N, C-alpha and C. Protein backbone atom coordinates (compact mmCIF):
# COMPACT_ATOMS: atom_id res chain seq x y z
N MET A 1 6.33 57.38 -7.20
CA MET A 1 5.98 55.97 -7.18
C MET A 1 4.57 55.75 -7.73
N ALA A 2 3.60 56.55 -7.27
CA ALA A 2 2.22 56.39 -7.72
C ALA A 2 2.07 56.69 -9.20
N ARG A 3 2.88 57.61 -9.70
CA ARG A 3 2.79 57.96 -11.12
C ARG A 3 3.17 56.75 -11.98
N HIS A 4 4.17 56.01 -11.58
CA HIS A 4 4.60 54.85 -12.35
C HIS A 4 3.54 53.76 -12.34
N ILE A 5 2.84 53.63 -11.26
CA ILE A 5 1.78 52.62 -11.16
C ILE A 5 0.66 52.96 -12.13
N LEU A 6 0.24 54.24 -12.18
CA LEU A 6 -0.84 54.63 -13.07
C LEU A 6 -0.43 54.58 -14.54
N GLN A 7 0.84 54.76 -14.83
CA GLN A 7 1.30 54.65 -16.21
C GLN A 7 1.18 53.22 -16.73
N ARG A 8 1.27 52.26 -15.88
CA ARG A 8 1.16 50.86 -16.29
C ARG A 8 -0.28 50.42 -16.48
N HIS A 9 -1.23 51.14 -15.94
CA HIS A 9 -2.64 50.73 -15.98
C HIS A 9 -3.45 51.70 -16.84
N ALA A 10 -3.27 51.60 -18.14
CA ALA A 10 -3.97 52.49 -19.07
C ALA A 10 -5.48 52.26 -19.04
N ASP A 11 -5.90 51.01 -18.85
CA ASP A 11 -7.34 50.73 -18.80
C ASP A 11 -8.00 51.44 -17.63
N PHE A 12 -7.33 51.44 -16.48
CA PHE A 12 -7.88 52.13 -15.32
C PHE A 12 -7.95 53.63 -15.58
N ARG A 13 -6.94 54.20 -16.20
CA ARG A 13 -6.96 55.64 -16.49
C ARG A 13 -8.12 56.00 -17.41
N ARG A 14 -8.35 55.19 -18.43
CA ARG A 14 -9.47 55.45 -19.34
C ARG A 14 -10.81 55.32 -18.61
N LEU A 15 -10.94 54.29 -17.78
CA LEU A 15 -12.17 54.10 -17.01
C LEU A 15 -12.39 55.28 -16.06
N PHE A 16 -11.35 55.68 -15.36
CA PHE A 16 -11.45 56.79 -14.42
C PHE A 16 -11.83 58.09 -15.13
N LEU A 17 -11.18 58.39 -16.24
CA LEU A 17 -11.47 59.61 -16.98
C LEU A 17 -12.88 59.59 -17.55
N GLY A 18 -13.27 58.47 -18.15
CA GLY A 18 -14.62 58.36 -18.71
C GLY A 18 -15.70 58.47 -17.65
N ASN A 19 -15.49 57.81 -16.52
CA ASN A 19 -16.47 57.87 -15.44
C ASN A 19 -16.54 59.27 -14.83
N SER A 20 -15.40 59.92 -14.72
CA SER A 20 -15.39 61.30 -14.20
C SER A 20 -16.15 62.24 -15.11
N MET A 21 -15.95 62.11 -16.41
CA MET A 21 -16.68 62.95 -17.37
C MET A 21 -18.18 62.66 -17.31
N SER A 22 -18.52 61.39 -17.16
CA SER A 22 -19.93 61.02 -17.07
C SER A 22 -20.58 61.61 -15.82
N LEU A 23 -19.91 61.54 -14.69
CA LEU A 23 -20.46 62.10 -13.45
C LEU A 23 -20.57 63.62 -13.53
N LEU A 24 -19.61 64.27 -14.15
CA LEU A 24 -19.67 65.72 -14.32
C LEU A 24 -20.86 66.11 -15.19
N SER A 25 -21.05 65.40 -16.30
CA SER A 25 -22.17 65.73 -17.17
C SER A 25 -23.51 65.42 -16.50
N SER A 26 -23.57 64.37 -15.70
CA SER A 26 -24.80 64.06 -14.97
C SER A 26 -25.13 65.15 -13.96
N THR A 27 -24.13 65.66 -13.30
CA THR A 27 -24.34 66.72 -12.33
C THR A 27 -24.82 68.00 -13.00
N VAL A 28 -24.21 68.33 -14.13
CA VAL A 28 -24.63 69.53 -14.87
C VAL A 28 -26.07 69.36 -15.36
N THR A 29 -26.41 68.17 -15.85
CA THR A 29 -27.76 67.91 -16.33
C THR A 29 -28.78 68.00 -15.20
N THR A 30 -28.41 67.55 -14.02
CA THR A 30 -29.32 67.61 -12.87
C THR A 30 -29.71 69.05 -12.57
N VAL A 31 -28.81 69.98 -12.78
CA VAL A 31 -29.10 71.39 -12.54
C VAL A 31 -29.70 72.05 -13.78
N ALA A 32 -29.14 71.76 -14.96
CA ALA A 32 -29.52 72.47 -16.18
C ALA A 32 -30.89 72.08 -16.71
N LEU A 33 -31.28 70.83 -16.61
CA LEU A 33 -32.56 70.40 -17.17
C LEU A 33 -33.76 71.08 -16.50
N PRO A 34 -33.86 71.07 -15.17
CA PRO A 34 -34.98 71.80 -14.56
C PRO A 34 -34.89 73.31 -14.80
N LEU A 35 -33.69 73.85 -14.81
CA LEU A 35 -33.52 75.28 -15.07
C LEU A 35 -33.98 75.64 -16.47
N ALA A 36 -33.65 74.81 -17.45
CA ALA A 36 -34.11 75.05 -18.83
C ALA A 36 -35.62 74.92 -18.93
N ALA A 37 -36.21 73.98 -18.19
CA ALA A 37 -37.66 73.83 -18.22
C ALA A 37 -38.36 75.07 -17.68
N VAL A 38 -37.79 75.67 -16.66
CA VAL A 38 -38.42 76.86 -16.08
C VAL A 38 -38.18 78.09 -16.96
N LEU A 39 -36.95 78.30 -17.36
CA LEU A 39 -36.61 79.53 -18.08
C LEU A 39 -37.06 79.52 -19.53
N MET A 40 -36.90 78.43 -20.22
CA MET A 40 -37.21 78.40 -21.65
C MET A 40 -38.62 77.94 -21.95
N LEU A 41 -39.12 77.01 -21.18
CA LEU A 41 -40.45 76.44 -21.45
C LEU A 41 -41.52 77.01 -20.52
N HIS A 42 -41.11 77.81 -19.56
CA HIS A 42 -42.04 78.43 -18.60
C HIS A 42 -42.89 77.36 -17.91
N ALA A 43 -42.23 76.30 -17.46
CA ALA A 43 -42.92 75.19 -16.80
C ALA A 43 -43.44 75.63 -15.44
N SER A 44 -44.63 75.15 -15.12
CA SER A 44 -45.23 75.48 -13.83
C SER A 44 -44.66 74.57 -12.75
N SER A 45 -45.06 74.83 -11.52
CA SER A 45 -44.58 74.01 -10.41
C SER A 45 -45.08 72.57 -10.51
N VAL A 46 -46.24 72.37 -11.09
CA VAL A 46 -46.78 71.02 -11.27
C VAL A 46 -45.88 70.25 -12.24
N TYR A 47 -45.51 70.88 -13.35
CA TYR A 47 -44.65 70.22 -14.32
C TYR A 47 -43.26 69.98 -13.75
N MET A 48 -42.79 70.87 -12.92
CA MET A 48 -41.49 70.67 -12.29
C MET A 48 -41.53 69.47 -11.35
N GLY A 49 -42.62 69.31 -10.63
CA GLY A 49 -42.79 68.14 -9.77
C GLY A 49 -42.86 66.86 -10.58
N LEU A 50 -43.57 66.90 -11.71
CA LEU A 50 -43.64 65.74 -12.58
C LEU A 50 -42.27 65.42 -13.19
N LEU A 51 -41.51 66.44 -13.52
CA LEU A 51 -40.16 66.22 -14.05
C LEU A 51 -39.26 65.56 -13.01
N GLY A 52 -39.36 66.00 -11.78
CA GLY A 52 -38.58 65.38 -10.71
C GLY A 52 -39.00 63.94 -10.46
N ALA A 53 -40.32 63.68 -10.51
CA ALA A 53 -40.81 62.31 -10.33
C ALA A 53 -40.39 61.42 -11.49
N ALA A 54 -40.39 61.96 -12.71
CA ALA A 54 -39.99 61.18 -13.88
C ALA A 54 -38.51 60.81 -13.80
N ALA A 55 -37.71 61.65 -13.17
CA ALA A 55 -36.29 61.34 -13.04
C ALA A 55 -36.06 60.16 -12.09
N LEU A 56 -36.93 59.98 -11.11
CA LEU A 56 -36.78 58.89 -10.14
C LEU A 56 -37.54 57.62 -10.53
N LEU A 57 -38.45 57.73 -11.46
CA LEU A 57 -39.29 56.60 -11.84
C LEU A 57 -38.51 55.37 -12.31
N PRO A 58 -37.48 55.51 -13.16
CA PRO A 58 -36.75 54.30 -13.58
C PRO A 58 -36.10 53.55 -12.42
N HIS A 59 -35.68 54.28 -11.39
CA HIS A 59 -35.07 53.61 -10.23
C HIS A 59 -36.08 52.71 -9.53
N PHE A 60 -37.31 53.18 -9.43
CA PHE A 60 -38.32 52.40 -8.74
C PHE A 60 -38.83 51.23 -9.59
N LEU A 61 -39.00 51.45 -10.89
CA LEU A 61 -39.57 50.42 -11.74
C LEU A 61 -38.55 49.36 -12.18
N LEU A 62 -37.34 49.79 -12.46
CA LEU A 62 -36.36 48.87 -13.03
C LEU A 62 -35.24 48.46 -12.08
N GLY A 63 -35.24 48.97 -10.88
CA GLY A 63 -34.13 48.77 -9.97
C GLY A 63 -33.74 47.32 -9.75
N LEU A 64 -34.60 46.54 -9.16
CA LEU A 64 -34.25 45.15 -8.85
C LEU A 64 -34.09 44.26 -10.07
N PRO A 65 -35.01 44.31 -11.05
CA PRO A 65 -34.80 43.47 -12.24
C PRO A 65 -33.51 43.83 -12.99
N ALA A 66 -33.18 45.10 -13.03
CA ALA A 66 -31.97 45.51 -13.75
C ALA A 66 -30.71 45.01 -13.06
N VAL A 67 -30.72 44.92 -11.75
CA VAL A 67 -29.54 44.43 -11.02
C VAL A 67 -29.23 43.00 -11.41
N VAL A 68 -30.25 42.18 -11.51
CA VAL A 68 -30.05 40.78 -11.87
C VAL A 68 -29.52 40.67 -13.30
N TRP A 69 -30.08 41.45 -14.21
CA TRP A 69 -29.66 41.39 -15.61
C TRP A 69 -28.27 41.98 -15.80
N VAL A 70 -28.01 43.12 -15.17
CA VAL A 70 -26.74 43.83 -15.34
C VAL A 70 -25.58 43.05 -14.72
N ASP A 71 -25.84 42.29 -13.69
CA ASP A 71 -24.79 41.55 -13.01
C ASP A 71 -24.13 40.52 -13.94
N ARG A 72 -24.82 40.14 -14.99
CA ARG A 72 -24.30 39.14 -15.93
C ARG A 72 -23.57 39.75 -17.12
N LEU A 73 -23.53 41.08 -17.21
CA LEU A 73 -22.91 41.76 -18.35
C LEU A 73 -21.51 42.24 -17.99
N PRO A 74 -20.64 42.41 -19.00
CA PRO A 74 -19.32 42.98 -18.73
C PRO A 74 -19.44 44.43 -18.28
N TYR A 75 -18.74 44.76 -17.20
CA TYR A 75 -18.88 46.08 -16.57
C TYR A 75 -18.45 47.21 -17.49
N TRP A 76 -17.32 47.08 -18.15
CA TRP A 76 -16.80 48.14 -19.01
C TRP A 76 -17.79 48.44 -20.14
N ARG A 77 -18.27 47.41 -20.81
CA ARG A 77 -19.20 47.60 -21.92
C ARG A 77 -20.50 48.23 -21.44
N LEU A 78 -20.97 47.83 -20.28
CA LEU A 78 -22.20 48.37 -19.73
C LEU A 78 -22.07 49.87 -19.44
N LEU A 79 -20.94 50.29 -18.87
CA LEU A 79 -20.73 51.72 -18.61
C LEU A 79 -20.75 52.53 -19.89
N VAL A 80 -20.08 52.03 -20.91
CA VAL A 80 -20.03 52.74 -22.18
C VAL A 80 -21.42 52.80 -22.82
N MET A 81 -22.14 51.70 -22.80
CA MET A 81 -23.48 51.67 -23.39
C MET A 81 -24.43 52.61 -22.65
N ALA A 82 -24.35 52.66 -21.34
CA ALA A 82 -25.21 53.54 -20.55
C ALA A 82 -24.88 55.01 -20.84
N ASP A 83 -23.61 55.34 -20.97
CA ASP A 83 -23.24 56.72 -21.28
C ASP A 83 -23.69 57.12 -22.69
N ILE A 84 -23.59 56.21 -23.63
CA ILE A 84 -24.05 56.51 -25.00
C ILE A 84 -25.57 56.68 -25.02
N ALA A 85 -26.29 55.83 -24.29
CA ALA A 85 -27.75 55.97 -24.22
C ALA A 85 -28.14 57.31 -23.59
N ARG A 86 -27.44 57.72 -22.55
CA ARG A 86 -27.73 59.00 -21.92
C ARG A 86 -27.45 60.15 -22.88
N LEU A 87 -26.35 60.05 -23.63
CA LEU A 87 -26.01 61.07 -24.62
C LEU A 87 -27.10 61.19 -25.68
N VAL A 88 -27.60 60.07 -26.16
CA VAL A 88 -28.64 60.08 -27.18
C VAL A 88 -29.93 60.69 -26.63
N LEU A 89 -30.32 60.30 -25.43
CA LEU A 89 -31.57 60.80 -24.86
C LEU A 89 -31.51 62.30 -24.57
N ILE A 90 -30.44 62.74 -23.97
CA ILE A 90 -30.33 64.16 -23.66
C ILE A 90 -30.09 64.96 -24.93
N GLY A 91 -29.32 64.40 -25.85
CA GLY A 91 -29.08 65.08 -27.12
C GLY A 91 -30.34 65.21 -27.96
N SER A 92 -31.27 64.26 -27.84
CA SER A 92 -32.51 64.35 -28.60
C SER A 92 -33.33 65.56 -28.15
N GLY A 93 -33.27 65.90 -26.87
CA GLY A 93 -33.96 67.10 -26.40
C GLY A 93 -33.35 68.36 -26.97
N ALA A 94 -32.03 68.41 -27.00
CA ALA A 94 -31.35 69.57 -27.59
C ALA A 94 -31.61 69.65 -29.09
N LEU A 95 -31.61 68.51 -29.77
CA LEU A 95 -31.88 68.49 -31.20
C LEU A 95 -33.31 68.92 -31.50
N ALA A 96 -34.25 68.51 -30.67
CA ALA A 96 -35.63 68.93 -30.85
C ALA A 96 -35.77 70.44 -30.72
N ARG A 97 -35.00 71.03 -29.82
CA ARG A 97 -35.03 72.50 -29.64
C ARG A 97 -34.47 73.20 -30.87
N VAL A 98 -33.43 72.64 -31.48
CA VAL A 98 -32.83 73.24 -32.67
C VAL A 98 -33.77 73.12 -33.86
N VAL A 99 -34.44 71.98 -34.01
CA VAL A 99 -35.29 71.72 -35.16
C VAL A 99 -36.57 72.55 -35.11
N GLY A 100 -37.15 72.71 -33.94
CA GLY A 100 -38.41 73.45 -33.85
C GLY A 100 -38.72 73.82 -32.42
N PRO A 101 -39.87 74.44 -32.24
CA PRO A 101 -40.24 74.85 -30.87
C PRO A 101 -40.55 73.63 -29.99
N VAL A 102 -40.15 73.73 -28.75
CA VAL A 102 -40.39 72.68 -27.76
C VAL A 102 -41.42 73.20 -26.79
N THR A 103 -42.37 72.37 -26.42
CA THR A 103 -43.41 72.80 -25.49
C THR A 103 -43.51 71.85 -24.33
N VAL A 104 -44.05 72.33 -23.26
CA VAL A 104 -44.48 71.49 -22.14
C VAL A 104 -45.96 71.28 -22.37
N ALA A 105 -46.46 70.08 -22.22
CA ALA A 105 -47.86 69.79 -22.50
C ALA A 105 -48.75 70.77 -21.75
N GLY A 106 -49.53 71.52 -22.48
CA GLY A 106 -50.41 72.50 -21.87
C GLY A 106 -49.71 73.79 -21.49
N GLY A 107 -48.42 73.89 -21.76
CA GLY A 107 -47.66 75.09 -21.40
C GLY A 107 -47.46 75.99 -22.59
N ALA A 108 -46.64 76.99 -22.40
CA ALA A 108 -46.37 77.96 -23.45
C ALA A 108 -45.33 77.41 -24.42
N VAL A 109 -45.37 77.90 -25.65
CA VAL A 109 -44.40 77.52 -26.65
C VAL A 109 -43.14 78.33 -26.42
N ALA A 110 -41.99 77.65 -26.48
CA ALA A 110 -40.72 78.35 -26.30
C ALA A 110 -40.44 79.21 -27.51
N ALA A 111 -39.95 80.39 -27.29
CA ALA A 111 -39.69 81.31 -28.39
C ALA A 111 -38.43 80.96 -29.12
């Protein structure tokens, strides 16, 4: 019975699959980004603390104003745009590593 219900709702299946993939990639990034900073860039504990603070900074600065603005936008389009923006931002770090050496300010150059 449940299978027939999900077959009729293709939009929900796409939303569910896309959101699941987004959450999986966010979880991997939460672990991989600090690990890459330590192993590849030899980041110190100070830089690791700054990296953790930088991850929370948008929530504090943009939280309430963004809620008012986002509430007026279509939900589906907003999810897709946010995932594309995340892909571009995280991909730019990987692209920078491929193009040349990446450094932590005041830290060692990655080999």
